[in-house]
Structures are given as C-alpha cells and as structure tokens.
Amino acid sequence: MNYAPIARIILRYAVGAIVGASQAELLIGDPDIVAMVALATGAAVEAAYVLAKRRGWAT
C-alpha cells in the first residue's frame, strides 16, 4: 500500500491546525470555533473525494 497520500493528508491538516489556531485569535477570537469549522470542512472535502473516486468522477 502506498502511504504517501495518507501522510500528505495528515501533514496538511496538522499544519492547518497549527497555523489556524494562531490566526484564529486575530480573526475571530476563539480558536475552538475555527478548529471545529476547519475539521468539518476537511471531513466534507475528504468525503467528497472518496465519493468521486467510487463513482468514477474526476478527482
């Protein structure tokens, strides 16, 4: 199994969480809200990708 895509996804979200948490205080003031929105958005994007791959859509 090729683990490179999985590692890339994990690193993308880890860096996003770190940068997002530091910027959240400047923009919104509550890093927890930013983290929840980012997590939900990331999950929706990954779910859409899996659905597209299963149905043969362009990815």
C-alpha atoms as a PDB file:
ATOM      1  CA  MET A   1       0.000   0.000   0.000  1.00  0.00           C
ATOM      2  CA  ASN A   2       1.215   3.483  -0.837  1.00  0.00           C
ATOM      3  CA  TYR A   3       1.249   5.539   2.374  1.00  0.00           C
ATOM      4  CA  ALA A   4       2.412   8.788   0.770  1.00  0.00           C
ATOM      5  CA  PRO A   5      -1.116  10.175   0.132  1.00  0.00           C
ATOM      6  CA  ILE A   6      -2.183   9.372   3.684  1.00  0.00           C
ATOM      7  CA  ALA A   7       0.925  11.024   5.128  1.00  0.00           C
ATOM      8  CA  ARG A   8       0.363  14.076   2.920  1.00  0.00           C
ATOM      9  CA  ILE A   9      -3.235  14.438   4.138  1.00  0.00           C
ATOM     10  CA  ILE A  10      -2.207  14.102   7.791  1.00  0.00           C
ATOM     11  CA  LEU A  11       0.547  16.684   7.394  1.00  0.00           C
ATOM     12  CA  ARG A  12      -1.789  19.071   5.554  1.00  0.00           C
ATOM     13  CA  TYR A  13      -4.330  19.031   8.373  1.00  0.00           C
ATOM     14  CA  ALA A  14      -1.681  19.191  11.112  1.00  0.00           C
ATOM     15  CA  VAL A  15      -0.096  22.291   9.618  1.00  0.00           C
ATOM     16  CA  GLY A  16      -3.523  23.795   9.007  1.00  0.00           C
ATOM     17  CA  ALA A  17      -4.464  23.239  12.643  1.00  0.00           C
ATOM     18  CA  ILE A  18      -1.278  24.858  13.907  1.00  0.00           C
ATOM     19  CA  VAL A  19      -1.497  27.888  11.628  1.00  0.00           C
ATOM     20  CA  GLY A  20      -5.255  28.178  12.011  1.00  0.00           C
ATOM     21  CA  ALA A  21      -5.065  28.184  15.798  1.00  0.00           C
ATOM     22  CA  SER A  22      -2.545  31.003  15.800  1.00  0.00           C
ATOM     23  CA  GLN A  23      -4.543  33.072  13.309  1.00  0.00           C
ATOM     24  CA  ALA A  24      -7.917  32.395  14.931  1.00  0.00           C
ATOM     25  CA  GLU A  25      -7.282  34.767  17.802  1.00  0.00           C
ATOM     26  CA  LEU A  26      -6.584  37.579  15.373  1.00  0.00           C
ATOM     27  CA  LEU A  27      -9.624  36.971  13.161  1.00  0.00           C
ATOM     28  CA  ILE A  28     -12.357  35.586  15.388  1.00  0.00           C
ATOM     29  CA  GLY A  29     -11.015  35.428  18.909  1.00  0.00           C
ATOM     30  CA  ASP A  30     -11.998  31.809  19.597  1.00  0.00           C
ATOM     31  CA  PRO A  31      -9.673  29.120  18.262  1.00  0.00           C
ATOM     32  CA  ASP A  32     -12.132  26.364  19.196  1.00  0.00           C
ATOM     33  CA  ILE A  33     -14.710  27.634  16.710  1.00  0.00           C
ATOM     34  CA  VAL A  34     -12.091  27.845  13.975  1.00  0.00           C
ATOM     35  CA  ALA A  35     -10.898  24.313  14.769  1.00  0.00           C
ATOM     36  CA  MET A  36     -14.426  22.871  14.596  1.00  0.00           C
ATOM     37  CA  VAL A  37     -15.192  24.616  11.298  1.00  0.00           C
ATOM     38  CA  ALA A  38     -11.858  23.520   9.834  1.00  0.00           C
ATOM     39  CA  LEU A  39     -12.406  19.927  10.944  1.00  0.00           C
ATOM     40  CA  ALA A  40     -15.910  19.831   9.466  1.00  0.00           C
ATOM     41  CA  THR A  41     -14.696  21.365   6.206  1.00  0.00           C
ATOM     42  CA  GLY A  42     -11.806  18.927   5.940  1.00  0.00           C
ATOM     43  CA  ALA A  43     -14.066  15.956   6.611  1.00  0.00           C
ATOM     44  CA  ALA A  44     -16.533  17.125   3.965  1.00  0.00           C
ATOM     45  CA  VAL A  45     -13.775  17.569   1.389  1.00  0.00           C
ATOM     46  CA  GLU A  46     -12.313  14.121   2.059  1.00  0.00           C
ATOM     47  CA  ALA A  47     -15.785  12.526   1.927  1.00  0.00           C
ATOM     48  CA  ALA A  48     -16.485  14.221  -1.405  1.00  0.00           C
ATOM     49  CA  TYR A  49     -13.158  12.927  -2.730  1.00  0.00           C
ATOM     50  CA  VAL A  50     -13.979   9.348  -1.706  1.00  0.00           C
ATOM     51  CA  LEU A  51     -17.430   9.615  -3.288  1.00  0.00           C
ATOM     52  CA  ALA A  52     -15.934  10.960  -6.520  1.00  0.00           C
ATOM     53  CA  LYS A  53     -13.365   8.149  -6.681  1.00  0.00           C
ATOM     54  CA  ARG A  54     -16.054   5.487  -6.110  1.00  0.00           C
ATOM     55  CA  ARG A  55     -18.325   6.885  -8.807  1.00  0.00           C
ATOM     56  CA  GLY A  56     -15.540   7.445 -11.324  1.00  0.00           C
ATOM     57  CA  TRP A  57     -15.830  11.227 -11.352  1.00  0.00           C
ATOM     58  CA  ALA A  58     -12.856  13.478 -11.993  1.00  0.00           C
ATOM     59  CA  THR A  59     -10.640  13.937  -8.966  1.00  0.00           C
END
